[in-house]
Amino acid sequence: METTLALKALAALSHESRLAAFRYLVQAGPDGLAVGELRERLDLPPATLSAHLNVLRQADLVQDQRQGRVIRVRADYGQMNALLAYLTENCCAGSSSCTPSTPCKS
């Protein structure tokens, strides 16, 4: 992942409602959530949620799919994993005692 893409993703997640929305979508799994269900969980007005989802879309963190009259939103796990890999790629200066699956001890 390039630094500019990482910054865009981190900026998108740096708002309480957007971070909460993304976490709900990650928790929901590959099926995602209907926009209405996500709105109810977050207790946000429709226009506000729409604006937040647009920011997450622009950062490639979420994707939508229309199913009839319902729009389902899903976390983009590939982008999420790329961001995590970017953040941890130089963990402990390459020490074998520290990997993303076994975090550094402080």
N, C-alpha and C. Protein backbone atom coordinates (compact mmCIF):
# COMPACT_ATOMS: atom_id res chain seq x y z
N MET A 1 0.85 -1.18 0.00
CA MET A 1 0.00 0.00 0.00
C MET A 1 0.89 1.23 0.00
N GLU A 2 0.51 2.19 -0.79
CA GLU A 2 1.25 3.46 -0.83
C GLU A 2 0.86 4.32 0.36
N THR A 3 1.77 5.19 0.74
CA THR A 3 1.54 6.07 1.88
C THR A 3 0.30 6.93 1.69
N THR A 4 0.09 7.44 0.47
CA THR A 4 -1.08 8.30 0.24
C THR A 4 -2.39 7.55 0.47
N LEU A 5 -2.43 6.26 0.06
CA LEU A 5 -3.64 5.46 0.29
C LEU A 5 -3.82 5.16 1.77
N ALA A 6 -2.73 4.91 2.47
CA ALA A 6 -2.82 4.66 3.92
C ALA A 6 -3.33 5.90 4.63
N LEU A 7 -2.83 7.06 4.24
CA LEU A 7 -3.29 8.31 4.86
C LEU A 7 -4.78 8.54 4.60
N LYS A 8 -5.22 8.25 3.40
CA LYS A 8 -6.63 8.42 3.05
C LYS A 8 -7.50 7.50 3.91
N ALA A 9 -7.07 6.24 4.07
CA ALA A 9 -7.83 5.28 4.89
C ALA A 9 -7.84 5.70 6.36
N LEU A 10 -6.69 6.10 6.87
CA LEU A 10 -6.61 6.52 8.27
C LEU A 10 -7.45 7.77 8.52
N ALA A 11 -7.43 8.70 7.57
CA ALA A 11 -8.25 9.91 7.71
C ALA A 11 -9.73 9.55 7.72
N ALA A 12 -10.12 8.59 6.87
CA ALA A 12 -11.53 8.18 6.83
C ALA A 12 -11.96 7.55 8.14
N LEU A 13 -11.07 6.83 8.78
CA LEU A 13 -11.40 6.15 10.04
C LEU A 13 -11.23 7.04 11.26
N SER A 14 -10.77 8.27 11.06
CA SER A 14 -10.46 9.14 12.20
C SER A 14 -11.67 9.90 12.74
N HIS A 15 -12.85 9.50 12.37
CA HIS A 15 -14.08 10.09 12.89
C HIS A 15 -14.85 9.02 13.65
N GLU A 16 -15.38 9.36 14.79
CA GLU A 16 -16.05 8.38 15.66
C GLU A 16 -17.15 7.59 14.94
N SER A 17 -18.01 8.27 14.20
CA SER A 17 -19.12 7.58 13.52
C SER A 17 -18.62 6.70 12.38
N ARG A 18 -17.62 7.18 11.63
CA ARG A 18 -17.09 6.36 10.53
C ARG A 18 -16.36 5.13 11.06
N LEU A 19 -15.62 5.31 12.14
CA LEU A 19 -14.93 4.16 12.74
C LEU A 19 -15.94 3.15 13.26
N ALA A 20 -16.99 3.63 13.91
CA ALA A 20 -18.04 2.74 14.42
C ALA A 20 -18.72 2.00 13.26
N ALA A 21 -19.01 2.71 12.19
CA ALA A 21 -19.66 2.09 11.02
C ALA A 21 -18.76 1.00 10.45
N PHE A 22 -17.48 1.31 10.29
CA PHE A 22 -16.55 0.34 9.73
C PHE A 22 -16.43 -0.88 10.64
N ARG A 23 -16.37 -0.66 11.93
CA ARG A 23 -16.28 -1.79 12.86
C ARG A 23 -17.53 -2.66 12.81
N TYR A 24 -18.70 -2.05 12.70
CA TYR A 24 -19.94 -2.84 12.54
C TYR A 24 -19.88 -3.69 11.27
N LEU A 25 -19.37 -3.09 10.20
CA LEU A 25 -19.31 -3.81 8.93
C LEU A 25 -18.29 -4.95 8.98
N VAL A 26 -17.17 -4.73 9.65
CA VAL A 26 -16.19 -5.80 9.82
C VAL A 26 -16.81 -6.93 10.63
N GLN A 27 -17.51 -6.58 11.68
CA GLN A 27 -18.16 -7.57 12.55
C GLN A 27 -19.24 -8.34 11.79
N ALA A 28 -19.92 -7.69 10.87
CA ALA A 28 -21.01 -8.32 10.12
C ALA A 28 -20.50 -9.40 9.17
N GLY A 29 -19.24 -9.35 8.80
CA GLY A 29 -18.69 -10.36 7.90
C GLY A 29 -18.96 -10.04 6.45
N PRO A 30 -18.74 -11.02 5.58
CA PRO A 30 -18.83 -10.77 4.14
C PRO A 30 -20.22 -10.39 3.65
N ASP A 31 -21.27 -10.70 4.40
CA ASP A 31 -22.62 -10.31 3.99
C ASP A 31 -22.87 -8.83 4.20
N GLY A 32 -22.10 -8.19 5.05
CA GLY A 32 -22.29 -6.77 5.32
C GLY A 32 -23.63 -6.50 5.98
N LEU A 33 -24.07 -5.26 5.87
CA LEU A 33 -25.33 -4.83 6.47
C LEU A 33 -26.10 -3.97 5.47
N ALA A 34 -27.40 -4.03 5.56
CA ALA A 34 -28.22 -3.10 4.79
C ALA A 34 -27.97 -1.70 5.36
N VAL A 35 -27.99 -0.70 4.50
CA VAL A 35 -27.73 0.67 4.94
C VAL A 35 -28.69 1.05 6.08
N GLY A 36 -29.97 0.67 5.96
CA GLY A 36 -30.95 0.99 7.00
C GLY A 36 -30.60 0.36 8.33
N GLU A 37 -30.13 -0.87 8.30
CA GLU A 37 -29.75 -1.55 9.55
C GLU A 37 -28.53 -0.87 10.17
N LEU A 38 -27.56 -0.50 9.34
CA LEU A 38 -26.39 0.20 9.84
C LEU A 38 -26.79 1.54 10.44
N ARG A 39 -27.72 2.23 9.77
CA ARG A 39 -28.19 3.53 10.28
C ARG A 39 -28.85 3.37 11.65
N GLU A 40 -29.65 2.33 11.81
CA GLU A 40 -30.30 2.08 13.10
C GLU A 40 -29.28 1.79 14.20
N ARG A 41 -28.29 1.00 13.88
CA ARG A 41 -27.26 0.67 14.88
C ARG A 41 -26.48 1.89 15.32
N LEU A 42 -26.23 2.79 14.36
CA LEU A 42 -25.46 3.99 14.67
C LEU A 42 -26.32 5.13 15.17
N ASP A 43 -27.64 5.03 14.97
CA ASP A 43 -28.57 6.08 15.36
C ASP A 43 -28.18 7.43 14.75
N LEU A 44 -28.01 7.40 13.42
CA LEU A 44 -27.64 8.61 12.67
C LEU A 44 -28.73 8.94 11.67
N PRO A 45 -28.92 10.22 11.36
CA PRO A 45 -29.84 10.59 10.29
C PRO A 45 -29.34 10.03 8.96
N PRO A 46 -30.25 9.70 8.04
CA PRO A 46 -29.85 9.12 6.76
C PRO A 46 -28.79 9.94 6.00
N ALA A 47 -28.96 11.25 5.95
CA ALA A 47 -28.02 12.08 5.20
C ALA A 47 -26.63 12.05 5.84
N THR A 48 -26.59 12.01 7.16
CA THR A 48 -25.30 11.96 7.86
C THR A 48 -24.60 10.65 7.58
N LEU A 49 -25.33 9.53 7.66
CA LEU A 49 -24.72 8.24 7.37
C LEU A 49 -24.25 8.20 5.93
N SER A 50 -25.03 8.72 5.02
CA SER A 50 -24.65 8.74 3.61
C SER A 50 -23.32 9.48 3.41
N ALA A 51 -23.17 10.61 4.08
CA ALA A 51 -21.92 11.39 3.98
C ALA A 51 -20.75 10.59 4.53
N HIS A 52 -20.96 9.93 5.66
CA HIS A 52 -19.88 9.12 6.26
C HIS A 52 -19.52 7.94 5.36
N LEU A 53 -20.52 7.27 4.79
CA LEU A 53 -20.25 6.15 3.91
C LEU A 53 -19.51 6.60 2.65
N ASN A 54 -19.81 7.80 2.17
CA ASN A 54 -19.10 8.32 1.00
C ASN A 54 -17.61 8.49 1.29
N VAL A 55 -17.27 8.95 2.49
CA VAL A 55 -15.86 9.09 2.87
C VAL A 55 -15.20 7.71 2.92
N LEU A 56 -15.88 6.73 3.51
CA LEU A 56 -15.33 5.37 3.57
C LEU A 56 -15.20 4.77 2.18
N ARG A 57 -16.14 5.06 1.29
CA ARG A 57 -16.07 4.57 -0.10
C ARG A 57 -14.86 5.18 -0.81
N GLN A 58 -14.67 6.48 -0.64
CA GLN A 58 -13.55 7.17 -1.29
C GLN A 58 -12.21 6.60 -0.84
N ALA A 59 -12.16 6.07 0.37
CA ALA A 59 -10.93 5.46 0.90
C ALA A 59 -10.86 3.97 0.56
N ASP A 60 -11.82 3.49 -0.22
CA ASP A 60 -11.89 2.08 -0.62
C ASP A 60 -12.01 1.13 0.57
N LEU A 61 -12.60 1.59 1.65
CA LEU A 61 -12.76 0.74 2.84
C LEU A 61 -14.08 -0.01 2.84
N VAL A 62 -15.05 0.46 2.06
CA VAL A 62 -16.34 -0.22 1.97
C VAL A 62 -16.78 -0.29 0.52
N GLN A 63 -17.65 -1.25 0.26
CA GLN A 63 -18.25 -1.41 -1.06
C GLN A 63 -19.74 -1.64 -0.86
N ASP A 64 -20.55 -1.25 -1.86
CA ASP A 64 -21.99 -1.47 -1.78
C ASP A 64 -22.43 -2.41 -2.89
N GLN A 65 -23.59 -2.98 -2.62
CA GLN A 65 -24.24 -3.80 -3.64
C GLN A 65 -25.74 -3.61 -3.49
N ARG A 66 -26.37 -3.28 -4.60
CA ARG A 66 -27.83 -3.12 -4.58
C ARG A 66 -28.45 -4.50 -4.70
N GLN A 67 -29.40 -4.76 -3.80
CA GLN A 67 -30.19 -6.00 -3.84
C GLN A 67 -31.66 -5.59 -3.84
N GLY A 68 -32.20 -5.43 -5.03
CA GLY A 68 -33.57 -4.93 -5.14
C GLY A 68 -33.63 -3.49 -4.66
N ARG A 69 -34.42 -3.24 -3.63
CA ARG A 69 -34.55 -1.89 -3.08
C ARG A 69 -33.58 -1.62 -1.95
N VAL A 70 -32.79 -2.62 -1.60
CA VAL A 70 -31.87 -2.51 -0.46
C VAL A 70 -30.44 -2.37 -0.96
N ILE A 71 -29.70 -1.48 -0.32
CA ILE A 71 -28.26 -1.37 -0.59
C ILE A 71 -27.53 -1.98 0.59
N ARG A 72 -26.70 -2.98 0.31
CA ARG A 72 -25.88 -3.62 1.34
C ARG A 72 -24.48 -3.04 1.26
N VAL A 73 -23.93 -2.76 2.42
CA VAL A 73 -22.58 -2.21 2.51
C VAL A 73 -21.70 -3.26 3.17
N ARG A 74 -20.52 -3.44 2.62
CA ARG A 74 -19.57 -4.43 3.15
C ARG A 74 -18.21 -3.78 3.36
N ALA A 75 -17.53 -4.24 4.39
CA ALA A 75 -16.14 -3.82 4.58
C ALA A 75 -15.30 -4.44 3.48
N ASP A 76 -14.32 -3.72 3.00
CA ASP A 76 -13.38 -4.26 2.02
C ASP A 76 -12.21 -4.83 2.81
N TYR A 77 -12.25 -6.14 3.03
CA TYR A 77 -11.24 -6.79 3.86
C TYR A 77 -9.85 -6.73 3.23
N GLY A 78 -9.78 -6.75 1.91
CA GLY A 78 -8.49 -6.63 1.25
C GLY A 78 -7.82 -5.31 1.56
N GLN A 79 -8.60 -4.23 1.50
CA GLN A 79 -8.06 -2.90 1.81
C GLN A 79 -7.71 -2.79 3.29
N MET A 80 -8.56 -3.35 4.15
CA MET A 80 -8.28 -3.33 5.58
C MET A 80 -6.98 -4.08 5.87
N ASN A 81 -6.82 -5.25 5.28
CA ASN A 81 -5.61 -6.04 5.52
C ASN A 81 -4.37 -5.37 4.94
N ALA A 82 -4.53 -4.68 3.82
CA ALA A 82 -3.40 -3.94 3.25
C ALA A 82 -2.98 -2.80 4.18
N LEU A 83 -3.95 -2.13 4.79
CA LEU A 83 -3.63 -1.06 5.73
C LEU A 83 -2.91 -1.62 6.96
N LEU A 84 -3.41 -2.73 7.49
CA LEU A 84 -2.76 -3.35 8.64
C LEU A 84 -1.34 -3.79 8.30
N ALA A 85 -1.16 -4.36 7.12
CA ALA A 85 0.18 -4.79 6.70
C ALA A 85 1.10 -3.58 6.56
N TYR A 86 0.58 -2.49 6.01
CA TYR A 86 1.38 -1.27 5.86
C TYR A 86 1.83 -0.76 7.23
N LEU A 87 0.91 -0.78 8.19
CA LEU A 87 1.22 -0.26 9.53
C LEU A 87 2.21 -1.14 10.29
N THR A 88 2.26 -2.41 9.96
CA THR A 88 3.11 -3.33 10.72
C THR A 88 4.31 -3.85 9.94
N GLU A 89 4.52 -3.39 8.71
CA GLU A 89 5.57 -3.97 7.88
C GLU A 89 6.97 -3.81 8.45
N ASN A 90 7.23 -2.80 9.22
CA ASN A 90 8.56 -2.61 9.79
C ASN A 90 8.57 -2.81 11.30
N CYS A 91 7.64 -3.59 11.78
CA CYS A 91 7.51 -3.82 13.21
C CYS A 91 8.83 -4.34 13.80
N CYS A 92 9.28 -3.70 14.84
CA CYS A 92 10.49 -4.10 15.58
C CYS A 92 11.71 -4.23 14.67
N ALA A 93 11.77 -3.43 13.64
CA ALA A 93 12.90 -3.40 12.71
C ALA A 93 13.22 -4.78 12.16
N GLY A 94 12.18 -5.57 11.92
CA GLY A 94 12.37 -6.88 11.32
C GLY A 94 12.80 -7.97 12.29
N SER A 95 12.76 -7.70 13.57
CA SER A 95 13.13 -8.71 14.56
C SER A 95 12.23 -9.93 14.43
N SER A 96 12.82 -11.12 14.50
CA SER A 96 12.02 -12.34 14.37
C SER A 96 11.11 -12.56 15.57
N SER A 97 11.33 -11.82 16.65
CA SER A 97 10.48 -11.99 17.83
C SER A 97 9.18 -11.21 17.71
N CYS A 98 9.02 -10.48 16.63
CA CYS A 98 7.82 -9.65 16.46
C CYS A 98 7.29 -9.80 15.05
N THR A 99 6.06 -10.26 14.96
CA THR A 99 5.36 -10.36 13.68
C THR A 99 3.96 -9.81 13.88
N PRO A 100 3.21 -9.52 12.81
CA PRO A 100 1.84 -9.04 13.00
C PRO A 100 0.98 -9.99 13.81
N SER A 101 1.24 -11.30 13.72
CA SER A 101 0.43 -12.24 14.49
C SER A 101 0.92 -12.41 15.92
N THR A 102 2.16 -12.02 16.19
CA THR A 102 2.69 -12.03 17.56
C THR A 102 3.27 -10.65 17.84
N PRO A 103 2.45 -9.75 18.37
CA PRO A 103 2.86 -8.36 18.54
C PRO A 103 4.04 -8.19 19.48
N CYS A 104 4.68 -7.07 19.33
CA CYS A 104 5.81 -6.73 20.19
C CYS A 104 5.36 -6.60 21.64
N LYS A 105 6.25 -6.93 22.52
CA LYS A 105 5.97 -6.74 23.95
C LYS A 105 6.66 -5.46 24.38
N SER A 106 5.93 -4.66 25.14
CA SER A 106 6.52 -3.40 25.58
C SER A 106 7.11 -3.54 26.96
